[in-house]
Amino acid sequence: MKGLLLKDWYQIKSNMKTMYLTVLAVLVIWTLSASGASTFAMNYAAIFLGILPVSLLAYDHSSGWTEYGLTLPMSRKIQVAEKYLIGVICAAVSVGLSGVSCGVIVLLGKPLPDAPVSIWMEFGVLAILLMNGIMLPLYYRFGPEKARMLYMLMFAGMGAMLGGGIALMDAFSGASAAVLVSGLLAAALVLYAVSWRVSVAWYGKYKK
């Protein structure tokens, strides 16, 4: 597992470093200059971290790693679980970045969003888990070419879901919204576990 994580870390540094440094720069600039009442920083972090596991899997397919991995003395469960673990790590990093952003906003004397910050953080985690829980099995089964259109739809859907959180906050009180989001998050965790099992079953079935 450690070797797989290192492989993907090197992949991020060599192929995605510029993109994620740009994302981080935009996040910093927005946090320092914009109104703290906006949830842009939290949504922005969740969206771009959410696409990372699928992007790494697309690189695996294009480089031939998926086929090579089948020859290694390592179970499919471990190889697939590594991508799902990256999704969980991305969710944790999203929460961390959102927390840092909110902390800076407070230090600057700006207002935080009206709804509890924890609910927005849960929305980010929910979006990341749902996106990868749905897309990873499709990528394992059909490859990036066939799954690309669905990927774009999911990316748009992820943004729409995060944006829809504003309407949800308006429709429910703070306590009711917290219970609803927590329930959705629990359901997403179950979906994530089921998705991993499906991906294990489909791993290696994709043919170029």
N, C-alpha and C. Protein backbone atom coordinates (compact mmCIF):
# COMPACT_ATOMS: atom_id res chain seq x y z
N MET A 1 0.83 -1.21 0.00
CA MET A 1 0.00 0.00 0.00
C MET A 1 0.87 1.26 0.00
N LYS A 2 1.94 1.25 0.83
CA LYS A 2 2.82 2.42 0.89
C LYS A 2 3.44 2.70 -0.47
N GLY A 3 3.86 1.62 -1.17
CA GLY A 3 4.45 1.80 -2.49
C GLY A 3 3.47 2.40 -3.48
N LEU A 4 2.22 1.97 -3.42
CA LEU A 4 1.19 2.52 -4.32
C LEU A 4 0.93 4.00 -4.04
N LEU A 5 0.89 4.34 -2.75
CA LEU A 5 0.69 5.74 -2.39
C LEU A 5 1.86 6.61 -2.86
N LEU A 6 3.08 6.08 -2.73
CA LEU A 6 4.25 6.82 -3.20
C LEU A 6 4.21 7.00 -4.72
N LYS A 7 3.78 5.95 -5.43
CA LYS A 7 3.67 6.03 -6.89
C LYS A 7 2.74 7.17 -7.29
N ASP A 8 1.59 7.23 -6.65
CA ASP A 8 0.63 8.27 -7.00
C ASP A 8 1.11 9.65 -6.54
N TRP A 9 1.84 9.70 -5.44
CA TRP A 9 2.40 10.97 -4.98
C TRP A 9 3.40 11.52 -6.01
N TYR A 10 4.24 10.64 -6.53
CA TYR A 10 5.18 11.06 -7.58
C TYR A 10 4.42 11.49 -8.84
N GLN A 11 3.32 10.81 -9.11
CA GLN A 11 2.50 11.18 -10.26
C GLN A 11 1.93 12.59 -10.09
N ILE A 12 1.46 12.89 -8.90
CA ILE A 12 0.93 14.23 -8.62
C ILE A 12 2.01 15.28 -8.78
N LYS A 13 3.20 14.99 -8.22
CA LYS A 13 4.29 15.97 -8.29
C LYS A 13 4.77 16.21 -9.72
N SER A 14 4.76 15.17 -10.54
CA SER A 14 5.30 15.31 -11.89
C SER A 14 4.28 15.81 -12.91
N ASN A 15 3.01 15.46 -12.74
CA ASN A 15 2.00 15.78 -13.76
C ASN A 15 0.92 16.77 -13.32
N MET A 16 0.73 16.93 -12.01
CA MET A 16 -0.38 17.76 -11.55
C MET A 16 0.05 18.88 -10.62
N LYS A 17 1.36 19.02 -10.42
CA LYS A 17 1.84 20.00 -9.44
C LYS A 17 1.39 21.41 -9.79
N THR A 18 1.54 21.79 -11.05
CA THR A 18 1.19 23.15 -11.46
C THR A 18 -0.28 23.45 -11.21
N MET A 19 -1.14 22.49 -11.56
CA MET A 19 -2.58 22.71 -11.38
C MET A 19 -2.93 22.91 -9.92
N TYR A 20 -2.40 22.06 -9.05
CA TYR A 20 -2.78 22.15 -7.64
C TYR A 20 -2.11 23.32 -6.94
N LEU A 21 -0.94 23.74 -7.39
CA LEU A 21 -0.34 24.96 -6.85
C LEU A 21 -1.18 26.18 -7.24
N THR A 22 -1.71 26.15 -8.46
CA THR A 22 -2.59 27.23 -8.91
C THR A 22 -3.87 27.26 -8.08
N VAL A 23 -4.43 26.08 -7.83
CA VAL A 23 -5.64 25.98 -7.00
C VAL A 23 -5.36 26.54 -5.61
N LEU A 24 -4.21 26.18 -5.04
CA LEU A 24 -3.86 26.66 -3.70
C LEU A 24 -3.68 28.17 -3.70
N ALA A 25 -3.05 28.70 -4.75
CA ALA A 25 -2.84 30.15 -4.84
C ALA A 25 -4.18 30.88 -4.91
N VAL A 26 -5.10 30.37 -5.73
CA VAL A 26 -6.43 31.00 -5.83
C VAL A 26 -7.15 30.94 -4.49
N LEU A 27 -7.01 29.82 -3.80
CA LEU A 27 -7.65 29.65 -2.49
C LEU A 27 -7.10 30.67 -1.49
N VAL A 28 -5.79 30.86 -1.49
CA VAL A 28 -5.17 31.82 -0.57
C VAL A 28 -5.62 33.24 -0.90
N ILE A 29 -5.57 33.60 -2.18
CA ILE A 29 -5.96 34.95 -2.59
C ILE A 29 -7.41 35.24 -2.24
N TRP A 30 -8.29 34.26 -2.50
CA TRP A 30 -9.71 34.46 -2.19
C TRP A 30 -9.93 34.62 -0.69
N THR A 31 -9.26 33.78 0.10
CA THR A 31 -9.43 33.85 1.55
C THR A 31 -8.99 35.20 2.09
N LEU A 32 -7.92 35.75 1.55
CA LEU A 32 -7.38 37.01 2.06
C LEU A 32 -8.15 38.23 1.56
N SER A 33 -8.78 38.10 0.40
CA SER A 33 -9.37 39.30 -0.21
C SER A 33 -10.89 39.34 -0.21
N ALA A 34 -11.54 38.19 -0.20
CA ALA A 34 -13.00 38.17 -0.36
C ALA A 34 -13.71 38.20 0.98
N SER A 35 -15.02 38.35 0.91
CA SER A 35 -15.85 38.34 2.11
C SER A 35 -15.87 36.95 2.73
N GLY A 36 -15.72 36.87 4.02
CA GLY A 36 -15.73 35.57 4.69
C GLY A 36 -17.07 34.89 4.65
N ALA A 37 -18.15 35.65 4.37
CA ALA A 37 -19.48 35.05 4.33
C ALA A 37 -19.65 34.11 3.15
N SER A 38 -18.75 34.16 2.19
CA SER A 38 -18.83 33.29 1.02
C SER A 38 -18.30 31.90 1.35
N THR A 39 -18.92 30.88 0.74
CA THR A 39 -18.45 29.49 0.94
C THR A 39 -17.56 29.04 -0.21
N PHE A 40 -17.11 29.97 -1.04
CA PHE A 40 -16.32 29.62 -2.22
C PHE A 40 -15.10 28.79 -1.85
N ALA A 41 -14.36 29.21 -0.82
CA ALA A 41 -13.11 28.54 -0.49
C ALA A 41 -13.34 27.07 -0.17
N MET A 42 -14.39 26.78 0.62
CA MET A 42 -14.66 25.39 1.00
C MET A 42 -15.10 24.57 -0.21
N ASN A 43 -15.97 25.13 -1.04
CA ASN A 43 -16.43 24.42 -2.23
C ASN A 43 -15.31 24.21 -3.23
N TYR A 44 -14.48 25.20 -3.40
CA TYR A 44 -13.37 25.16 -4.36
C TYR A 44 -12.40 24.04 -3.98
N ALA A 45 -12.04 23.97 -2.71
CA ALA A 45 -11.12 22.93 -2.26
C ALA A 45 -11.72 21.55 -2.48
N ALA A 46 -12.99 21.38 -2.17
CA ALA A 46 -13.63 20.07 -2.31
C ALA A 46 -13.70 19.62 -3.76
N ILE A 47 -14.02 20.54 -4.67
CA ILE A 47 -14.18 20.17 -6.08
C ILE A 47 -12.86 19.68 -6.66
N PHE A 48 -11.78 20.43 -6.44
CA PHE A 48 -10.52 20.06 -7.08
C PHE A 48 -9.83 18.89 -6.39
N LEU A 49 -10.04 18.73 -5.10
CA LEU A 49 -9.52 17.53 -4.44
C LEU A 49 -10.34 16.31 -4.81
N GLY A 50 -11.63 16.52 -5.07
CA GLY A 50 -12.52 15.41 -5.39
C GLY A 50 -12.18 14.71 -6.68
N ILE A 51 -11.58 15.41 -7.63
CA ILE A 51 -11.27 14.79 -8.93
C ILE A 51 -9.94 14.04 -8.92
N LEU A 52 -9.18 14.14 -7.83
CA LEU A 52 -7.83 13.57 -7.82
C LEU A 52 -7.80 12.05 -7.99
N PRO A 53 -8.59 11.26 -7.22
CA PRO A 53 -8.51 9.80 -7.39
C PRO A 53 -8.83 9.33 -8.81
N VAL A 54 -9.87 9.92 -9.41
CA VAL A 54 -10.24 9.54 -10.77
C VAL A 54 -9.15 9.95 -11.76
N SER A 55 -8.56 11.13 -11.55
CA SER A 55 -7.48 11.58 -12.44
C SER A 55 -6.28 10.65 -12.36
N LEU A 56 -5.94 10.20 -11.16
CA LEU A 56 -4.82 9.27 -10.99
C LEU A 56 -5.12 7.94 -11.66
N LEU A 57 -6.36 7.48 -11.56
CA LEU A 57 -6.72 6.22 -12.21
C LEU A 57 -6.66 6.36 -13.73
N ALA A 58 -7.02 7.52 -14.25
CA ALA A 58 -6.92 7.76 -15.69
C ALA A 58 -5.46 7.69 -16.14
N TYR A 59 -4.55 8.24 -15.33
CA TYR A 59 -3.12 8.13 -15.64
C TYR A 59 -2.67 6.68 -15.62
N ASP A 60 -3.18 5.90 -14.67
CA ASP A 60 -2.83 4.48 -14.60
C ASP A 60 -3.25 3.76 -15.88
N HIS A 61 -4.45 4.06 -16.36
CA HIS A 61 -4.94 3.43 -17.58
C HIS A 61 -4.09 3.82 -18.79
N SER A 62 -3.79 5.10 -18.90
CA SER A 62 -3.05 5.58 -20.08
C SER A 62 -1.60 5.10 -20.10
N SER A 63 -1.02 4.88 -18.93
CA SER A 63 0.38 4.45 -18.86
C SER A 63 0.54 2.93 -18.90
N GLY A 64 -0.58 2.21 -18.83
CA GLY A 64 -0.50 0.75 -18.82
C GLY A 64 -0.32 0.15 -17.44
N TRP A 65 -0.39 1.00 -16.41
CA TRP A 65 -0.18 0.49 -15.05
C TRP A 65 -1.26 -0.50 -14.64
N THR A 66 -2.49 -0.29 -15.09
CA THR A 66 -3.58 -1.19 -14.70
C THR A 66 -3.26 -2.62 -15.10
N GLU A 67 -2.77 -2.82 -16.33
CA GLU A 67 -2.41 -4.17 -16.78
C GLU A 67 -1.18 -4.68 -16.04
N TYR A 68 -0.21 -3.80 -15.84
CA TYR A 68 1.01 -4.19 -15.13
C TYR A 68 0.70 -4.60 -13.69
N GLY A 69 -0.23 -3.88 -13.07
CA GLY A 69 -0.57 -4.18 -11.68
C GLY A 69 -1.11 -5.58 -11.49
N LEU A 70 -1.74 -6.13 -12.54
CA LEU A 70 -2.28 -7.49 -12.45
C LEU A 70 -1.18 -8.53 -12.33
N THR A 71 0.04 -8.19 -12.74
CA THR A 71 1.16 -9.15 -12.67
C THR A 71 1.89 -9.08 -11.35
N LEU A 72 1.58 -8.10 -10.52
CA LEU A 72 2.30 -7.93 -9.26
C LEU A 72 1.75 -8.88 -8.19
N PRO A 73 2.62 -9.28 -7.25
CA PRO A 73 2.15 -10.13 -6.13
C PRO A 73 1.39 -9.31 -5.09
N MET A 74 0.32 -8.71 -5.54
CA MET A 74 -0.47 -7.83 -4.69
C MET A 74 -1.93 -8.00 -5.08
N SER A 75 -2.78 -8.15 -4.10
CA SER A 75 -4.19 -8.44 -4.39
C SER A 75 -4.87 -7.24 -5.05
N ARG A 76 -5.93 -7.55 -5.80
CA ARG A 76 -6.72 -6.48 -6.41
C ARG A 76 -7.36 -5.61 -5.35
N LYS A 77 -7.75 -6.22 -4.25
CA LYS A 77 -8.39 -5.45 -3.18
C LYS A 77 -7.48 -4.34 -2.68
N ILE A 78 -6.19 -4.64 -2.51
CA ILE A 78 -5.25 -3.64 -2.03
C ILE A 78 -5.05 -2.54 -3.06
N GLN A 79 -4.89 -2.94 -4.33
CA GLN A 79 -4.65 -1.94 -5.37
C GLN A 79 -5.84 -1.00 -5.55
N VAL A 80 -7.04 -1.56 -5.49
CA VAL A 80 -8.23 -0.72 -5.61
C VAL A 80 -8.44 0.11 -4.35
N ALA A 81 -8.19 -0.50 -3.19
CA ALA A 81 -8.38 0.21 -1.93
C ALA A 81 -7.49 1.45 -1.84
N GLU A 82 -6.33 1.40 -2.49
CA GLU A 82 -5.43 2.56 -2.44
C GLU A 82 -6.07 3.79 -3.05
N LYS A 83 -6.79 3.62 -4.17
CA LYS A 83 -7.46 4.77 -4.79
C LYS A 83 -8.58 5.29 -3.88
N TYR A 84 -9.28 4.38 -3.23
CA TYR A 84 -10.35 4.80 -2.32
C TYR A 84 -9.77 5.47 -1.08
N LEU A 85 -8.60 5.01 -0.64
CA LEU A 85 -7.94 5.67 0.48
C LEU A 85 -7.53 7.09 0.11
N ILE A 86 -7.07 7.27 -1.13
CA ILE A 86 -6.73 8.62 -1.58
C ILE A 86 -7.98 9.52 -1.54
N GLY A 87 -9.13 8.96 -1.89
CA GLY A 87 -10.37 9.73 -1.80
C GLY A 87 -10.65 10.19 -0.38
N VAL A 88 -10.43 9.30 0.59
CA VAL A 88 -10.63 9.65 2.00
C VAL A 88 -9.62 10.71 2.43
N ILE A 89 -8.37 10.55 1.98
CA ILE A 89 -7.33 11.54 2.31
C ILE A 89 -7.70 12.90 1.73
N CYS A 90 -8.20 12.90 0.49
CA CYS A 90 -8.63 14.16 -0.13
C CYS A 90 -9.75 14.81 0.66
N ALA A 91 -10.69 14.00 1.16
CA ALA A 91 -11.77 14.55 1.97
C ALA A 91 -11.23 15.18 3.25
N ALA A 92 -10.25 14.50 3.87
CA ALA A 92 -9.64 15.04 5.10
C ALA A 92 -8.88 16.33 4.82
N VAL A 93 -8.16 16.36 3.70
CA VAL A 93 -7.42 17.58 3.33
C VAL A 93 -8.38 18.72 3.04
N SER A 94 -9.50 18.40 2.40
CA SER A 94 -10.52 19.41 2.12
C SER A 94 -11.02 20.04 3.42
N VAL A 95 -11.29 19.21 4.41
CA VAL A 95 -11.73 19.71 5.71
C VAL A 95 -10.64 20.57 6.34
N GLY A 96 -9.39 20.10 6.24
CA GLY A 96 -8.28 20.85 6.81
C GLY A 96 -8.11 22.21 6.16
N LEU A 97 -8.16 22.26 4.83
CA LEU A 97 -8.02 23.53 4.12
C LEU A 97 -9.17 24.48 4.45
N SER A 98 -10.38 23.91 4.55
CA SER A 98 -11.54 24.73 4.90
C SER A 98 -11.38 25.31 6.31
N GLY A 99 -10.87 24.48 7.22
CA GLY A 99 -10.65 24.94 8.59
C GLY A 99 -9.62 26.05 8.66
N VAL A 100 -8.53 25.88 7.92
CA VAL A 100 -7.49 26.92 7.89
C VAL A 100 -8.04 28.21 7.30
N SER A 101 -8.79 28.06 6.20
CA SER A 101 -9.39 29.23 5.55
C SER A 101 -10.31 29.98 6.51
N CYS A 102 -11.15 29.24 7.22
CA CYS A 102 -12.07 29.87 8.17
C CYS A 102 -11.31 30.52 9.33
N GLY A 103 -10.23 29.87 9.77
CA GLY A 103 -9.41 30.45 10.83
C GLY A 103 -8.80 31.77 10.41
N VAL A 104 -8.30 31.83 9.19
CA VAL A 104 -7.72 33.07 8.67
C VAL A 104 -8.78 34.15 8.57
N ILE A 105 -9.97 33.75 8.10
CA ILE A 105 -11.07 34.71 7.97
C ILE A 105 -11.42 35.32 9.32
N VAL A 106 -11.47 34.49 10.35
CA VAL A 106 -11.77 34.98 11.70
C VAL A 106 -10.68 35.94 12.18
N LEU A 107 -9.42 35.58 11.94
CA LEU A 107 -8.31 36.44 12.34
C LEU A 107 -8.35 37.79 11.63
N LEU A 108 -8.87 37.79 10.40
CA LEU A 108 -8.97 39.04 9.64
C LEU A 108 -10.20 39.86 10.04
N GLY A 109 -11.01 39.31 10.95
CA GLY A 109 -12.18 40.03 11.41
C GLY A 109 -13.35 40.01 10.45
N LYS A 110 -13.38 39.04 9.54
CA LYS A 110 -14.46 38.94 8.57
C LYS A 110 -15.51 37.94 9.07
N PRO A 111 -16.77 38.06 8.61
CA PRO A 111 -17.81 37.14 9.06
C PRO A 111 -17.71 35.79 8.36
N LEU A 112 -18.06 34.75 9.09
CA LEU A 112 -18.14 33.41 8.51
C LEU A 112 -19.53 33.22 7.89
N PRO A 113 -19.72 32.17 7.07
CA PRO A 113 -21.06 31.90 6.52
C PRO A 113 -22.09 31.75 7.63
N ASP A 114 -23.34 32.07 7.31
CA ASP A 114 -24.40 32.01 8.31
C ASP A 114 -24.58 30.61 8.88
N ALA A 115 -24.58 29.60 8.01
CA ALA A 115 -24.73 28.21 8.47
C ALA A 115 -23.45 27.76 9.16
N PRO A 116 -23.55 26.81 10.09
CA PRO A 116 -22.35 26.30 10.75
C PRO A 116 -21.31 25.81 9.75
N VAL A 117 -20.07 26.18 9.99
CA VAL A 117 -18.99 25.81 9.07
C VAL A 117 -18.88 24.29 8.94
N SER A 118 -19.15 23.58 10.04
CA SER A 118 -19.03 22.12 10.02
C SER A 118 -19.96 21.49 8.98
N ILE A 119 -21.13 22.10 8.77
CA ILE A 119 -22.06 21.57 7.77
C ILE A 119 -21.49 21.71 6.37
N TRP A 120 -20.86 22.85 6.09
CA TRP A 120 -20.25 23.05 4.77
C TRP A 120 -19.09 22.09 4.56
N MET A 121 -18.34 21.82 5.63
CA MET A 121 -17.25 20.85 5.53
C MET A 121 -17.80 19.46 5.22
N GLU A 122 -18.91 19.10 5.89
CA GLU A 122 -19.54 17.81 5.62
C GLU A 122 -20.05 17.73 4.19
N PHE A 123 -20.56 18.83 3.67
CA PHE A 123 -20.99 18.87 2.27
C PHE A 123 -19.82 18.56 1.34
N GLY A 124 -18.66 19.14 1.63
CA GLY A 124 -17.48 18.88 0.82
C GLY A 124 -17.08 17.42 0.84
N VAL A 125 -17.07 16.83 2.04
CA VAL A 125 -16.75 15.40 2.18
C VAL A 125 -17.77 14.56 1.44
N LEU A 126 -19.05 14.91 1.59
CA LEU A 126 -20.13 14.18 0.91
C LEU A 126 -19.94 14.21 -0.60
N ALA A 127 -19.61 15.37 -1.15
CA ALA A 127 -19.42 15.49 -2.60
C ALA A 127 -18.25 14.64 -3.08
N ILE A 128 -17.15 14.64 -2.33
CA ILE A 128 -15.96 13.86 -2.72
C ILE A 128 -16.26 12.37 -2.69
N LEU A 129 -16.93 11.91 -1.63
CA LEU A 129 -17.24 10.48 -1.52
C LEU A 129 -18.21 10.04 -2.61
N LEU A 130 -19.23 10.85 -2.89
CA LEU A 130 -20.21 10.48 -3.91
C LEU A 130 -19.58 10.45 -5.30
N MET A 131 -18.79 11.46 -5.61
CA MET A 131 -18.19 11.52 -6.94
C MET A 131 -17.30 10.31 -7.19
N ASN A 132 -16.43 10.01 -6.25
CA ASN A 132 -15.52 8.89 -6.45
C ASN A 132 -16.21 7.54 -6.27
N GLY A 133 -17.21 7.49 -5.40
CA GLY A 133 -17.95 6.25 -5.23
C GLY A 133 -18.69 5.84 -6.50
N ILE A 134 -19.10 6.82 -7.29
CA ILE A 134 -19.80 6.53 -8.54
C ILE A 134 -18.82 6.36 -9.70
N MET A 135 -17.81 7.23 -9.78
CA MET A 135 -16.94 7.26 -10.95
C MET A 135 -15.85 6.19 -10.95
N LEU A 136 -15.28 5.86 -9.81
CA LEU A 136 -14.18 4.89 -9.80
C LEU A 136 -14.58 3.54 -10.39
N PRO A 137 -15.74 2.95 -10.01
CA PRO A 137 -16.12 1.68 -10.65
C PRO A 137 -16.28 1.80 -12.16
N LEU A 138 -16.83 2.92 -12.63
CA LEU A 138 -17.00 3.11 -14.07
C LEU A 138 -15.66 3.19 -14.78
N TYR A 139 -14.70 3.84 -14.16
CA TYR A 139 -13.36 3.92 -14.76
C TYR A 139 -12.70 2.56 -14.79
N TYR A 140 -12.85 1.78 -13.72
CA TYR A 140 -12.26 0.44 -13.70
C TYR A 140 -12.90 -0.46 -14.76
N ARG A 141 -14.18 -0.26 -15.02
CA ARG A 141 -14.88 -1.14 -15.94
C ARG A 141 -14.74 -0.70 -17.40
N PHE A 142 -14.86 0.60 -17.66
CA PHE A 142 -14.94 1.08 -19.03
C PHE A 142 -13.72 1.87 -19.50
N GLY A 143 -12.85 2.28 -18.57
CA GLY A 143 -11.69 3.07 -18.95
C GLY A 143 -12.04 4.54 -19.09
N PRO A 144 -11.02 5.40 -19.17
CA PRO A 144 -11.27 6.85 -19.19
C PRO A 144 -11.98 7.36 -20.42
N GLU A 145 -11.77 6.70 -21.58
CA GLU A 145 -12.39 7.20 -22.80
C GLU A 145 -13.91 7.14 -22.72
N LYS A 146 -14.44 5.97 -22.37
CA LYS A 146 -15.89 5.80 -22.31
C LYS A 146 -16.50 6.51 -21.10
N ALA A 147 -15.73 6.62 -20.04
CA ALA A 147 -16.27 7.22 -18.82
C ALA A 147 -16.10 8.73 -18.78
N ARG A 148 -15.39 9.31 -19.78
CA ARG A 148 -15.07 10.74 -19.72
C ARG A 148 -16.32 11.61 -19.70
N MET A 149 -17.31 11.27 -20.53
CA MET A 149 -18.52 12.09 -20.56
C MET A 149 -19.24 12.05 -19.21
N LEU A 150 -19.32 10.86 -18.63
CA LEU A 150 -19.93 10.75 -17.31
C LEU A 150 -19.12 11.52 -16.28
N TYR A 151 -17.80 11.52 -16.46
CA TYR A 151 -16.92 12.24 -15.55
C TYR A 151 -17.24 13.74 -15.59
N MET A 152 -17.42 14.28 -16.79
CA MET A 152 -17.74 15.70 -16.91
C MET A 152 -19.10 16.01 -16.29
N LEU A 153 -20.04 15.10 -16.48
CA LEU A 153 -21.35 15.29 -15.87
C LEU A 153 -21.26 15.25 -14.35
N MET A 154 -20.44 14.32 -13.84
CA MET A 154 -20.27 14.22 -12.40
C MET A 154 -19.58 15.45 -11.84
N PHE A 155 -18.59 15.96 -12.57
CA PHE A 155 -17.89 17.17 -12.13
C PHE A 155 -18.86 18.34 -12.01
N ALA A 156 -19.72 18.47 -13.04
CA ALA A 156 -20.74 19.52 -13.00
C ALA A 156 -21.74 19.27 -11.87
N GLY A 157 -22.10 17.99 -11.70
CA GLY A 157 -23.03 17.64 -10.64
C GLY A 157 -22.48 17.91 -9.26
N MET A 158 -21.17 17.71 -9.11
CA MET A 158 -20.53 17.97 -7.83
C MET A 158 -20.61 19.46 -7.48
N GLY A 159 -20.34 20.30 -8.49
CA GLY A 159 -20.45 21.73 -8.26
C GLY A 159 -21.89 22.14 -7.96
N ALA A 160 -22.84 21.52 -8.67
CA ALA A 160 -24.25 21.84 -8.45
C ALA A 160 -24.69 21.42 -7.05
N MET A 161 -24.19 20.26 -6.59
CA MET A 161 -24.57 19.79 -5.26
C MET A 161 -24.04 20.72 -4.18
N LEU A 162 -22.78 21.16 -4.35
CA LEU A 162 -22.21 22.08 -3.37
C LEU A 162 -22.96 23.41 -3.40
N GLY A 163 -23.32 23.87 -4.61
CA GLY A 163 -24.08 25.09 -4.71
C GLY A 163 -25.48 24.94 -4.13
N GLY A 164 -26.05 23.74 -4.29
CA GLY A 164 -27.37 23.49 -3.74
C GLY A 164 -27.41 23.48 -2.23
N GLY A 165 -26.25 23.38 -1.63
CA GLY A 165 -26.19 23.44 -0.17
C GLY A 165 -26.73 24.76 0.36
N ILE A 166 -26.57 25.83 -0.41
CA ILE A 166 -27.09 27.13 0.01
C ILE A 166 -28.61 27.07 0.16
N ALA A 167 -29.28 26.47 -0.84
CA ALA A 167 -30.73 26.35 -0.77
C ALA A 167 -31.15 25.47 0.40
N LEU A 168 -30.35 24.42 0.67
CA LEU A 168 -30.66 23.53 1.78
C LEU A 168 -30.56 24.27 3.11
N MET A 169 -29.54 25.12 3.24
CA MET A 169 -29.39 25.88 4.47
C MET A 169 -30.56 26.84 4.67
N ASP A 170 -31.08 27.36 3.56
CA ASP A 170 -32.22 28.28 3.66
C ASP A 170 -33.51 27.54 4.02
N ALA A 171 -33.62 26.29 3.57
CA ALA A 171 -34.87 25.54 3.76
C ALA A 171 -34.98 24.92 5.15
N PHE A 172 -33.83 24.62 5.76
CA PHE A 172 -33.84 23.96 7.07
C PHE A 172 -33.13 24.83 8.09
N SER A 173 -33.52 24.63 9.34
CA SER A 173 -32.81 25.30 10.42
C SER A 173 -31.45 24.66 10.61
N GLY A 174 -30.59 25.28 11.37
CA GLY A 174 -29.24 24.76 11.57
C GLY A 174 -29.22 23.33 12.08
N ALA A 175 -30.05 23.03 13.10
CA ALA A 175 -30.06 21.68 13.67
C ALA A 175 -30.61 20.66 12.68
N SER A 176 -31.70 21.01 12.00
CA SER A 176 -32.29 20.08 11.03
C SER A 176 -31.35 19.82 9.87
N ALA A 177 -30.68 20.87 9.40
CA ALA A 177 -29.73 20.71 8.30
C ALA A 177 -28.57 19.83 8.71
N ALA A 178 -28.11 19.99 9.95
CA ALA A 178 -26.99 19.18 10.43
C ALA A 178 -27.36 17.70 10.47
N VAL A 179 -28.58 17.40 10.93
CA VAL A 179 -29.03 16.01 10.98
C VAL A 179 -29.15 15.44 9.57
N LEU A 180 -29.72 16.22 8.65
CA LEU A 180 -29.90 15.77 7.27
C LEU A 180 -28.56 15.50 6.60
N VAL A 181 -27.62 16.43 6.73
CA VAL A 181 -26.32 16.27 6.09
C VAL A 181 -25.56 15.09 6.70
N SER A 182 -25.67 14.92 8.02
CA SER A 182 -25.01 13.79 8.67
C SER A 182 -25.58 12.46 8.17
N GLY A 183 -26.90 12.42 7.96
CA GLY A 183 -27.51 11.21 7.42
C GLY A 183 -27.06 10.93 6.00
N LEU A 184 -26.98 11.98 5.18
CA LEU A 184 -26.50 11.81 3.81
C LEU A 184 -25.04 11.36 3.80
N LEU A 185 -24.26 11.88 4.72
CA LEU A 185 -22.85 11.49 4.80
C LEU A 185 -22.70 10.03 5.18
N ALA A 186 -23.54 9.56 6.11
CA ALA A 186 -23.51 8.15 6.50
C ALA A 186 -23.88 7.26 5.31
N ALA A 187 -24.90 7.68 4.55
CA ALA A 187 -25.29 6.91 3.36
C ALA A 187 -24.17 6.90 2.32
N ALA A 188 -23.47 8.03 2.18
CA ALA A 188 -22.36 8.11 1.22
C ALA A 188 -21.22 7.18 1.62
N LEU A 189 -20.98 7.04 2.91
CA LEU A 189 -19.93 6.12 3.38
C LEU A 189 -20.29 4.67 3.04
N VAL A 190 -21.57 4.33 3.19
CA VAL A 190 -22.01 2.98 2.82
C VAL A 190 -21.83 2.77 1.31
N LEU A 191 -22.25 3.76 0.52
CA LEU A 191 -22.07 3.69 -0.93
C LEU A 191 -20.60 3.54 -1.29
N TYR A 192 -19.74 4.24 -0.59
CA TYR A 192 -18.30 4.20 -0.86
C TYR A 192 -17.76 2.79 -0.64
N ALA A 193 -18.21 2.13 0.44
CA ALA A 193 -17.77 0.77 0.72
C ALA A 193 -18.27 -0.20 -0.34
N VAL A 194 -19.53 -0.06 -0.74
CA VAL A 194 -20.10 -0.92 -1.79
C VAL A 194 -19.38 -0.66 -3.11
N SER A 195 -19.08 0.59 -3.39
CA SER A 195 -18.37 0.96 -4.61
C SER A 195 -17.01 0.29 -4.68
N TRP A 196 -16.31 0.22 -3.56
CA TRP A 196 -15.01 -0.45 -3.52
C TRP A 196 -15.14 -1.91 -3.91
N ARG A 197 -16.15 -2.59 -3.40
CA ARG A 197 -16.36 -4.00 -3.74
C ARG A 197 -16.64 -4.16 -5.24
N VAL A 198 -17.43 -3.26 -5.80
CA VAL A 198 -17.73 -3.32 -7.23
C VAL A 198 -16.46 -3.08 -8.05
N SER A 199 -15.65 -2.12 -7.64
CA SER A 199 -14.41 -1.82 -8.35
C SER A 199 -13.45 -3.00 -8.32
N VAL A 200 -13.39 -3.69 -7.19
CA VAL A 200 -12.53 -4.88 -7.09
C VAL A 200 -12.99 -5.94 -8.10
N ALA A 201 -14.31 -6.12 -8.20
CA ALA A 201 -14.84 -7.12 -9.14
C ALA A 201 -14.59 -6.72 -10.59
N TRP A 202 -14.57 -5.42 -10.87
CA TRP A 202 -14.39 -4.94 -12.24
C TRP A 202 -12.94 -4.67 -12.60
N TYR A 203 -12.05 -4.67 -11.64
CA TYR A 203 -10.64 -4.36 -11.92
C TYR A 203 -10.06 -5.39 -12.89
N GLY A 204 -9.45 -4.91 -13.96
CA GLY A 204 -8.85 -5.80 -14.95
C GLY A 204 -9.77 -6.17 -16.09
N LYS A 205 -11.05 -5.79 -16.02
CA LYS A 205 -11.99 -6.12 -17.09
C LYS A 205 -11.94 -5.11 -18.23
N TYR A 206 -11.37 -3.94 -17.95
CA TYR A 206 -11.27 -2.92 -19.00
C TYR A 206 -10.23 -3.34 -20.04
N LYS A 207 -10.59 -3.21 -21.30
CA LYS A 207 -9.68 -3.51 -22.40
C LYS A 207 -9.55 -2.29 -23.29
N LYS A 208 -8.31 -1.94 -23.64
CA LYS A 208 -8.07 -0.79 -24.52
C LYS A 208 -8.53 -1.13 -25.93
